[in-house]
Amino acid sequence: MKQEKKFLRQCASCREYKKKEELIRLTKDHKTGEVTINNDNSSFGRSIYVCKNEECLKNFIKKKRTEHILKAKLPVNIEEELYTVLKN
C-alpha cells in the first residue's frame, strides 16, 4: 500500500512549515493583481500562507509581508476578513 504524501506549506510570517489546513491562503490574482483570501483554491496566481494564530497574523500585517512577497498592498477589508477567519 502506498503512503500518501502530505505537502507542507511555509507561513510567510513565522516561517514554520505546517499542513495546508492549518494555514490561511492569500492569492494575488494574475489578471487583476487583487489580493484575496483563497481557501478553496478557486483563483490562480501567486499565493502565500499565514498561520491561523493571532500573533502570527499581527506580525504578518505589521511587517507588510504581502508588499514584500506578492508585490501588492494588502487591502483593509482583507485585514478585517483575516481576523474574522481567525475567530472562526
PDB file of N, CA and C in Angstrom:
ATOM      1  N   MET A   1       0.835  -1.170   0.000  1.00  0.00           N
ATOM      2  CA  MET A   1       0.000   0.000   0.000  1.00  0.00           C
ATOM      3  C   MET A   1       0.891   1.249   0.000  1.00  0.00           C
ATOM      4  N   LYS A   2       0.596   2.176  -0.915  1.00  0.00           N
ATOM      5  CA  LYS A   2       1.382   3.403  -0.988  1.00  0.00           C
ATOM      6  C   LYS A   2       0.963   4.384   0.097  1.00  0.00           C
ATOM      7  N   GLN A   3       1.960   5.051   0.645  1.00  0.00           N
ATOM      8  CA  GLN A   3       1.678   6.067   1.650  1.00  0.00           C
ATOM      9  C   GLN A   3       1.450   7.393   0.937  1.00  0.00           C
ATOM     10  N   GLU A   4       0.358   8.067   1.282  1.00  0.00           N
ATOM     11  CA  GLU A   4       0.021   9.331   0.645  1.00  0.00           C
ATOM     12  C   GLU A   4       0.917  10.436   1.170  1.00  0.00           C
ATOM     13  N   LYS A   5       1.467  11.245   0.255  1.00  0.00           N
ATOM     14  CA  LYS A   5       2.331  12.352   0.650  1.00  0.00           C
ATOM     15  C   LYS A   5       1.490  13.548   1.055  1.00  0.00           C
ATOM     16  N   LYS A   6       1.872  14.185   2.128  1.00  0.00           N
ATOM     17  CA  LYS A   6       1.237  15.428   2.559  1.00  0.00           C
ATOM     18  C   LYS A   6       2.275  16.530   2.423  1.00  0.00           C
ATOM     19  N   PHE A   7       1.991  17.460   1.536  1.00  0.00           N
ATOM     20  CA  PHE A   7       2.919  18.555   1.324  1.00  0.00           C
ATOM     21  C   PHE A   7       2.714  19.627   2.381  1.00  0.00           C
ATOM     22  N   LEU A   8       3.783  20.204   2.844  1.00  0.00           N
ATOM     23  CA  LEU A   8       3.729  21.253   3.846  1.00  0.00           C
ATOM     24  C   LEU A   8       3.908  22.607   3.177  1.00  0.00           C
ATOM     25  N   ARG A   9       3.275  23.610   3.753  1.00  0.00           N
ATOM     26  CA  ARG A   9       3.399  24.988   3.273  1.00  0.00           C
ATOM     27  C   ARG A   9       4.109  25.796   4.353  1.00  0.00           C
ATOM     28  N   GLN A  10       4.773  26.880   3.940  1.00  0.00           N
ATOM     29  CA  GLN A  10       5.508  27.711   4.885  1.00  0.00           C
ATOM     30  C   GLN A  10       4.723  28.983   5.175  1.00  0.00           C
ATOM     31  N   CYS A  11       4.598  29.305   6.451  1.00  0.00           N
ATOM     32  CA  CYS A  11       3.942  30.542   6.871  1.00  0.00           C
ATOM     33  C   CYS A  11       4.835  31.719   6.490  1.00  0.00           C
ATOM     34  N   ALA A  12       4.242  32.759   5.912  1.00  0.00           N
ATOM     35  CA  ALA A  12       5.001  33.931   5.475  1.00  0.00           C
ATOM     36  C   ALA A  12       5.463  34.779   6.654  1.00  0.00           C
ATOM     37  N   SER A  13       4.879  34.591   7.818  1.00  0.00           N
ATOM     38  CA  SER A  13       5.233  35.387   8.982  1.00  0.00           C
ATOM     39  C   SER A  13       6.281  34.710   9.863  1.00  0.00           C
ATOM     40  N   CYS A  14       5.973  33.513  10.351  1.00  0.00           N
ATOM     41  CA  CYS A  14       6.871  32.842  11.294  1.00  0.00           C
ATOM     42  C   CYS A  14       7.829  31.864  10.607  1.00  0.00           C
ATOM     43  N   ARG A  15       7.612  31.585   9.336  1.00  0.00           N
ATOM     44  CA  ARG A  15       8.469  30.714   8.517  1.00  0.00           C
ATOM     45  C   ARG A  15       8.445  29.254   8.941  1.00  0.00           C
ATOM     46  N   GLU A  16       7.430  28.831   9.689  1.00  0.00           N
ATOM     47  CA  GLU A  16       7.294  27.431  10.080  1.00  0.00           C
ATOM     48  C   GLU A  16       6.520  26.675   9.001  1.00  0.00           C
ATOM     49  N   TYR A  17       6.862  25.412   8.808  1.00  0.00           N
ATOM     50  CA  TYR A  17       6.164  24.560   7.854  1.00  0.00           C
ATOM     51  C   TYR A  17       5.004  23.866   8.552  1.00  0.00           C
ATOM     52  N   LYS A  18       3.826  23.952   7.926  1.00  0.00           N
ATOM     53  CA  LYS A  18       2.623  23.359   8.503  1.00  0.00           C
ATOM     54  C   LYS A  18       1.767  22.763   7.400  1.00  0.00           C
ATOM     55  N   LYS A  19       0.767  21.983   7.809  1.00  0.00           N
ATOM     56  CA  LYS A  19      -0.180  21.425   6.854  1.00  0.00           C
ATOM     57  C   LYS A  19      -1.053  22.546   6.294  1.00  0.00           C
ATOM     58  N   LYS A  20      -1.521  22.327   5.095  1.00  0.00           N
ATOM     59  CA  LYS A  20      -2.321  23.333   4.399  1.00  0.00           C
ATOM     60  C   LYS A  20      -3.590  23.719   5.174  1.00  0.00           C
ATOM     61  N   GLU A  21      -4.154  22.763   5.905  1.00  0.00           N
ATOM     62  CA  GLU A  21      -5.383  23.014   6.655  1.00  0.00           C
ATOM     63  C   GLU A  21      -5.161  23.956   7.837  1.00  0.00           C
ATOM     64  N   GLU A  22      -3.931  24.092   8.296  1.00  0.00           N
ATOM     65  CA  GLU A  22      -3.615  24.927   9.449  1.00  0.00           C
ATOM     66  C   GLU A  22      -3.282  26.368   9.058  1.00  0.00           C
ATOM     67  N   LEU A  23      -3.372  26.681   7.766  1.00  0.00           N
ATOM     68  CA  LEU A  23      -2.963  27.992   7.268  1.00  0.00           C
ATOM     69  C   LEU A  23      -4.089  28.681   6.505  1.00  0.00           C
ATOM     70  N   ILE A  24      -3.970  29.994   6.376  1.00  0.00           N
ATOM     71  CA  ILE A  24      -4.875  30.804   5.566  1.00  0.00           C
ATOM     72  C   ILE A  24      -4.120  31.161   4.296  1.00  0.00           C
ATOM     73  N   ARG A  25      -4.756  30.963   3.144  1.00  0.00           N
ATOM     74  CA  ARG A  25      -4.105  31.228   1.862  1.00  0.00           C
ATOM     75  C   ARG A  25      -4.547  32.581   1.311  1.00  0.00           C
ATOM     76  N   LEU A  26      -3.577  33.414   0.955  1.00  0.00           N
ATOM     77  CA  LEU A  26      -3.829  34.687   0.295  1.00  0.00           C
ATOM     78  C   LEU A  26      -3.268  34.601  -1.119  1.00  0.00           C
ATOM     79  N   THR A  27      -4.062  35.014  -2.106  1.00  0.00           N
ATOM     80  CA  THR A  27      -3.654  34.904  -3.501  1.00  0.00           C
ATOM     81  C   THR A  27      -3.750  36.249  -4.200  1.00  0.00           C
ATOM     82  N   LYS A  28      -2.719  36.555  -4.965  1.00  0.00           N
ATOM     83  CA  LYS A  28      -2.742  37.736  -5.834  1.00  0.00           C
ATOM     84  C   LYS A  28      -3.180  37.246  -7.204  1.00  0.00           C
ATOM     85  N   ASP A  29      -4.350  37.693  -7.653  1.00  0.00           N
ATOM     86  CA  ASP A  29      -4.893  37.261  -8.932  1.00  0.00           C
ATOM     87  C   ASP A  29      -3.962  37.669 -10.070  1.00  0.00           C
ATOM     88  N   HIS A  30      -3.695  36.750 -10.978  1.00  0.00           N
ATOM     89  CA  HIS A  30      -2.725  37.021 -12.036  1.00  0.00           C
ATOM     90  C   HIS A  30      -3.236  38.012 -13.078  1.00  0.00           C
ATOM     91  N   LYS A  31      -4.557  38.195 -13.191  1.00  0.00           N
ATOM     92  CA  LYS A  31      -5.101  39.136 -14.166  1.00  0.00           C
ATOM     93  C   LYS A  31      -5.291  40.538 -13.589  1.00  0.00           C
ATOM     94  N   THR A  32      -5.919  40.606 -12.407  1.00  0.00           N
ATOM     95  CA  THR A  32      -6.266  41.905 -11.835  1.00  0.00           C
ATOM     96  C   THR A  32      -5.229  42.438 -10.861  1.00  0.00           C
ATOM     97  N   GLY A  33      -4.430  41.556 -10.270  1.00  0.00           N
ATOM     98  CA  GLY A  33      -3.447  41.975  -9.276  1.00  0.00           C
ATOM     99  C   GLY A  33      -4.042  42.185  -7.899  1.00  0.00           C
ATOM    100  N   GLU A  34      -5.295  41.789  -7.727  1.00  0.00           N
ATOM    101  CA  GLU A  34      -6.001  41.965  -6.453  1.00  0.00           C
ATOM    102  C   GLU A  34      -5.678  40.817  -5.495  1.00  0.00           C
ATOM    103  N   VAL A  35      -5.455  41.144  -4.229  1.00  0.00           N
ATOM    104  CA  VAL A  35      -5.159  40.150  -3.205  1.00  0.00           C
ATOM    105  C   VAL A  35      -6.463  39.723  -2.538  1.00  0.00           C
ATOM    106  N   THR A  36      -6.691  38.402  -2.467  1.00  0.00           N
ATOM    107  CA  THR A  36      -7.909  37.868  -1.863  1.00  0.00           C
ATOM    108  C   THR A  36      -7.575  36.689  -0.958  1.00  0.00           C
ATOM    109  N   ILE A  37      -8.501  36.384  -0.044  1.00  0.00           N
ATOM    110  CA  ILE A  37      -8.384  35.171   0.762  1.00  0.00           C
ATOM    111  C   ILE A  37      -8.921  34.040  -0.095  1.00  0.00           C
ATOM    112  N   ASN A  38      -8.147  32.982  -0.223  1.00  0.00           N
ATOM    113  CA  ASN A  38      -8.490  31.921  -1.171  1.00  0.00           C
ATOM    114  C   ASN A  38      -8.293  30.563  -0.521  1.00  0.00           C
ATOM    115  N   ASN A  39      -9.237  30.135   0.285  1.00  0.00           N
ATOM    116  CA  ASN A  39      -9.116  28.840   0.944  1.00  0.00           C
ATOM    117  C   ASN A  39      -9.646  27.687   0.103  1.00  0.00           C
ATOM    118  N   ASP A  40     -10.405  27.990  -0.952  1.00  0.00           N
ATOM    119  CA  ASP A  40     -10.989  26.928  -1.769  1.00  0.00           C
ATOM    120  C   ASP A  40     -10.230  26.694  -3.078  1.00  0.00           C
ATOM    121  N   ASN A  41      -9.057  27.328  -3.236  1.00  0.00           N
ATOM    122  CA  ASN A  41      -8.210  27.153  -4.422  1.00  0.00           C
ATOM    123  C   ASN A  41      -8.933  27.506  -5.717  1.00  0.00           C
ATOM    124  N   SER A  42      -9.795  28.513  -5.683  1.00  0.00           N
ATOM    125  CA  SER A  42     -10.603  28.849  -6.849  1.00  0.00           C
ATOM    126  C   SER A  42      -9.918  29.820  -7.807  1.00  0.00           C
ATOM    127  N   SER A  43      -8.965  30.610  -7.345  1.00  0.00           N
ATOM    128  CA  SER A  43      -8.328  31.564  -8.252  1.00  0.00           C
ATOM    129  C   SER A  43      -6.858  31.209  -8.449  1.00  0.00           C
ATOM    130  N   PHE A  44      -6.340  31.639  -9.586  1.00  0.00           N
ATOM    131  CA  PHE A  44      -4.962  31.346  -9.940  1.00  0.00           C
ATOM    132  C   PHE A  44      -4.096  32.572  -9.735  1.00  0.00           C
ATOM    133  N   GLY A  45      -2.853  32.358  -9.406  1.00  0.00           N
ATOM    134  CA  GLY A  45      -1.911  33.443  -9.197  1.00  0.00           C
ATOM    135  C   GLY A  45      -0.917  33.066  -8.123  1.00  0.00           C
ATOM    136  N   ARG A  46      -0.116  34.010  -7.738  1.00  0.00           N
ATOM    137  CA  ARG A  46       0.899  33.775  -6.708  1.00  0.00           C
ATOM    138  C   ARG A  46       0.230  33.784  -5.340  1.00  0.00           C
ATOM    139  N   SER A  47       0.582  32.828  -4.496  1.00  0.00           N
ATOM    140  CA  SER A  47      -0.062  32.689  -3.192  1.00  0.00           C
ATOM    141  C   SER A  47       0.948  32.655  -2.062  1.00  0.00           C
ATOM    142  N   ILE A  48       0.488  33.091  -0.892  1.00  0.00           N
ATOM    143  CA  ILE A  48       1.259  32.981   0.339  1.00  0.00           C
ATOM    144  C   ILE A  48       0.322  32.454   1.425  1.00  0.00           C
ATOM    145  N   TYR A  49       0.920  31.904   2.463  1.00  0.00           N
ATOM    146  CA  TYR A  49       0.154  31.309   3.552  1.00  0.00           C
ATOM    147  C   TYR A  49       0.508  31.972   4.875  1.00  0.00           C
ATOM    148  N   VAL A  50      -0.498  32.053   5.765  1.00  0.00           N
ATOM    149  CA  VAL A  50      -0.320  32.628   7.098  1.00  0.00           C
ATOM    150  C   VAL A  50      -0.961  31.693   8.113  1.00  0.00           C
ATOM    151  N   CYS A  51      -0.287  31.515   9.257  1.00  0.00           N
ATOM    152  CA  CYS A  51      -0.818  30.676  10.339  1.00  0.00           C
ATOM    153  C   CYS A  51      -2.146  31.220  10.849  1.00  0.00           C
ATOM    154  N   LYS A  52      -2.936  30.314  11.395  1.00  0.00           N
ATOM    155  CA  LYS A  52      -4.214  30.710  11.986  1.00  0.00           C
ATOM    156  C   LYS A  52      -4.053  31.010  13.462  1.00  0.00           C
ATOM    157  N   ASN A  53      -3.088  31.879  13.802  1.00  0.00           N
ATOM    158  CA  ASN A  53      -2.987  32.355  15.180  1.00  0.00           C
ATOM    159  C   ASN A  53      -2.773  33.865  15.166  1.00  0.00           C
ATOM    160  N   GLU A  54      -3.228  34.494  16.226  1.00  0.00           N
ATOM    161  CA  GLU A  54      -3.287  35.955  16.269  1.00  0.00           C
ATOM    162  C   GLU A  54      -1.909  36.613  16.212  1.00  0.00           C
ATOM    163  N   GLU A  55      -0.954  36.065  16.910  1.00  0.00           N
ATOM    164  CA  GLU A  55       0.390  36.656  16.942  1.00  0.00           C
ATOM    165  C   GLU A  55       1.021  36.650  15.546  1.00  0.00           C
ATOM    166  N   CYS A  56       0.895  35.551  14.863  1.00  0.00           N
ATOM    167  CA  CYS A  56       1.446  35.428  13.513  1.00  0.00           C
ATOM    168  C   CYS A  56       0.766  36.424  12.568  1.00  0.00           C
ATOM    169  N   LEU A  57      -0.538  36.542  12.679  1.00  0.00           N
ATOM    170  CA  LEU A  57      -1.299  37.445  11.820  1.00  0.00           C
ATOM    171  C   LEU A  57      -0.920  38.904  12.062  1.00  0.00           C
ATOM    172  N   LYS A  58      -0.746  39.279  13.333  1.00  0.00           N
ATOM    173  CA  LYS A  58      -0.337  40.647  13.656  1.00  0.00           C
ATOM    174  C   LYS A  58       1.034  40.973  13.072  1.00  0.00           C
ATOM    175  N   ASN A  59       1.982  40.048  13.213  1.00  0.00           N
ATOM    176  CA  ASN A  59       3.312  40.258  12.649  1.00  0.00           C
ATOM    177  C   ASN A  59       3.275  40.323  11.128  1.00  0.00           C
ATOM    178  N   PHE A  60       2.428  39.506  10.525  1.00  0.00           N
ATOM    179  CA  PHE A  60       2.279  39.485   9.075  1.00  0.00           C
ATOM    180  C   PHE A  60       1.821  40.851   8.550  1.00  0.00           C
ATOM    181  N   ILE A  61       0.826  41.426   9.217  1.00  0.00           N
ATOM    182  CA  ILE A  61       0.300  42.730   8.793  1.00  0.00           C
ATOM    183  C   ILE A  61       1.283  43.841   9.130  1.00  0.00           C
ATOM    184  N   LYS A  62       1.884  43.782  10.307  1.00  0.00           N
ATOM    185  CA  LYS A  62       2.822  44.817  10.754  1.00  0.00           C
ATOM    186  C   LYS A  62       4.050  44.900   9.839  1.00  0.00           C
ATOM    187  N   LYS A  63       4.587  43.754   9.450  1.00  0.00           N
ATOM    188  CA  LYS A  63       5.790  43.723   8.619  1.00  0.00           C
ATOM    189  C   LYS A  63       5.503  43.880   7.128  1.00  0.00           C
ATOM    190  N   LYS A  64       4.203  43.990   6.776  1.00  0.00           N
ATOM    191  CA  LYS A  64       3.783  44.179   5.378  1.00  0.00           C
ATOM    192  C   LYS A  64       4.371  43.112   4.465  1.00  0.00           C
ATOM    193  N   ARG A  65       4.165  41.865   4.851  1.00  0.00           N
ATOM    194  CA  ARG A  65       4.727  40.738   4.100  1.00  0.00           C
ATOM    195  C   ARG A  65       4.145  40.626   2.688  1.00  0.00           C
ATOM    196  N   THR A  66       2.878  41.044   2.489  1.00  0.00           N
ATOM    197  CA  THR A  66       2.294  40.949   1.144  1.00  0.00           C
ATOM    198  C   THR A  66       2.995  41.890   0.175  1.00  0.00           C
ATOM    199  N   GLU A  67       3.379  43.070   0.662  1.00  0.00           N
ATOM    200  CA  GLU A  67       4.081  44.016  -0.212  1.00  0.00           C
ATOM    201  C   GLU A  67       5.443  43.473  -0.616  1.00  0.00           C
ATOM    202  N   HIS A  68       6.089  42.779   0.298  1.00  0.00           N
ATOM    203  CA  HIS A  68       7.415  42.231   0.021  1.00  0.00           C
ATOM    204  C   HIS A  68       7.340  40.985  -0.867  1.00  0.00           C
ATOM    205  N   ILE A  69       6.452  40.067  -0.555  1.00  0.00           N
ATOM    206  CA  ILE A  69       6.402  38.789  -1.256  1.00  0.00           C
ATOM    207  C   ILE A  69       5.578  38.872  -2.545  1.00  0.00           C
ATOM    208  N   LEU A  70       4.372  39.417  -2.463  1.00  0.00           N
ATOM    209  CA  LEU A  70       3.482  39.456  -3.618  1.00  0.00           C
ATOM    210  C   LEU A  70       3.602  40.728  -4.447  1.00  0.00           C
ATOM    211  N   LYS A  71       4.344  41.695  -3.950  1.00  0.00           N
ATOM    212  CA  LYS A  71       4.472  42.990  -4.615  1.00  0.00           C
ATOM    213  C   LYS A  71       3.094  43.651  -4.802  1.00  0.00           C
ATOM    214  N   ALA A  72       2.260  43.525  -3.764  1.00  0.00           N
ATOM    215  CA  ALA A  72       0.922  44.100  -3.779  1.00  0.00           C
ATOM    216  C   ALA A  72       0.539  44.516  -2.369  1.00  0.00           C
ATOM    217  N   LYS A  73      -0.218  45.598  -2.267  1.00  0.00           N
ATOM    218  CA  LYS A  73      -0.650  46.086  -0.967  1.00  0.00           C
ATOM    219  C   LYS A  73      -1.861  45.291  -0.486  1.00  0.00           C
ATOM    220  N   LEU A  74      -1.882  44.991   0.811  1.00  0.00           N
ATOM    221  CA  LEU A  74      -2.985  44.256   1.413  1.00  0.00           C
ATOM    222  C   LEU A  74      -4.139  45.217   1.692  1.00  0.00           C
ATOM    223  N   PRO A  75      -5.304  45.028   1.042  1.00  0.00           N
ATOM    224  CA  PRO A  75      -6.443  45.925   1.276  1.00  0.00           C
ATOM    225  C   PRO A  75      -6.950  45.840   2.723  1.00  0.00           C
ATOM    226  N   VAL A  76      -7.514  46.923   3.205  1.00  0.00           N
ATOM    227  CA  VAL A  76      -8.008  46.993   4.584  1.00  0.00           C
ATOM    228  C   VAL A  76      -9.124  45.976   4.815  1.00  0.00           C
ATOM    229  N   ASN A  77     -10.001  45.796   3.834  1.00  0.00           N
ATOM    230  CA  ASN A  77     -11.104  44.844   4.014  1.00  0.00           C
ATOM    231  C   ASN A  77     -10.589  43.404   4.144  1.00  0.00           C
ATOM    232  N   ILE A  78      -9.473  43.091   3.531  1.00  0.00           N
ATOM    233  CA  ILE A  78      -8.880  41.753   3.658  1.00  0.00           C
ATOM    234  C   ILE A  78      -8.308  41.575   5.067  1.00  0.00           C
ATOM    235  N   GLU A  79      -7.713  42.633   5.619  1.00  0.00           N
ATOM    236  CA  GLU A  79      -7.207  42.563   7.004  1.00  0.00           C
ATOM    237  C   GLU A  79      -8.345  42.203   7.959  1.00  0.00           C
ATOM    238  N   GLU A  80      -9.493  42.848   7.780  1.00  0.00           N
ATOM    239  CA  GLU A  80     -10.647  42.575   8.629  1.00  0.00           C
ATOM    240  C   GLU A  80     -11.143  41.148   8.430  1.00  0.00           C
ATOM    241  N   GLU A  81     -11.160  40.675   7.183  1.00  0.00           N
ATOM    242  CA  GLU A  81     -11.593  39.309   6.890  1.00  0.00           C
ATOM    243  C   GLU A  81     -10.647  38.285   7.518  1.00  0.00           C
ATOM    244  N   LEU A  82      -9.353  38.595   7.535  1.00  0.00           N
ATOM    245  CA  LEU A  82      -8.381  37.677   8.151  1.00  0.00           C
ATOM    246  C   LEU A  82      -8.692  37.480   9.627  1.00  0.00           C
ATOM    247  N   TYR A  83      -9.032  38.555  10.313  1.00  0.00           N
ATOM    248  CA  TYR A  83      -9.352  38.442  11.742  1.00  0.00           C
ATOM    249  C   TYR A  83     -10.656  37.675  11.963  1.00  0.00           C
ATOM    250  N   THR A  84     -11.640  37.823  11.044  1.00  0.00           N
ATOM    251  CA  THR A  84     -12.886  37.048  11.192  1.00  0.00           C
ATOM    252  C   THR A  84     -12.629  35.572  10.911  1.00  0.00           C
ATOM    253  N   VAL A  85     -11.772  35.256   9.946  1.00  0.00           N
ATOM    254  CA  VAL A  85     -11.412  33.864   9.685  1.00  0.00           C
ATOM    255  C   VAL A  85     -10.696  33.267  10.885  1.00  0.00           C
ATOM    256  N   LEU A  86      -9.863  34.063  11.510  1.00  0.00           N
ATOM    257  CA  LEU A  86      -9.121  33.626  12.687  1.00  0.00           C
ATOM    258  C   LEU A  86     -10.054  33.279  13.851  1.00  0.00           C
ATOM    259  N   LYS A  87     -11.112  34.052  14.024  1.00  0.00           N
ATOM    260  CA  LYS A  87     -12.050  33.825  15.123  1.00  0.00           C
ATOM    261  C   LYS A  87     -12.926  32.597  14.895  1.00  0.00           C
ATOM    262  N   ASN A  88     -13.116  32.193  13.651  1.00  0.00           N
ATOM    263  CA  ASN A  88     -13.969  31.022  13.335  1.00  0.00           C
ATOM    264  C   ASN A  88     -13.242  29.734  13.438  1.00  0.00           C
TER     265      ASN A  88
END
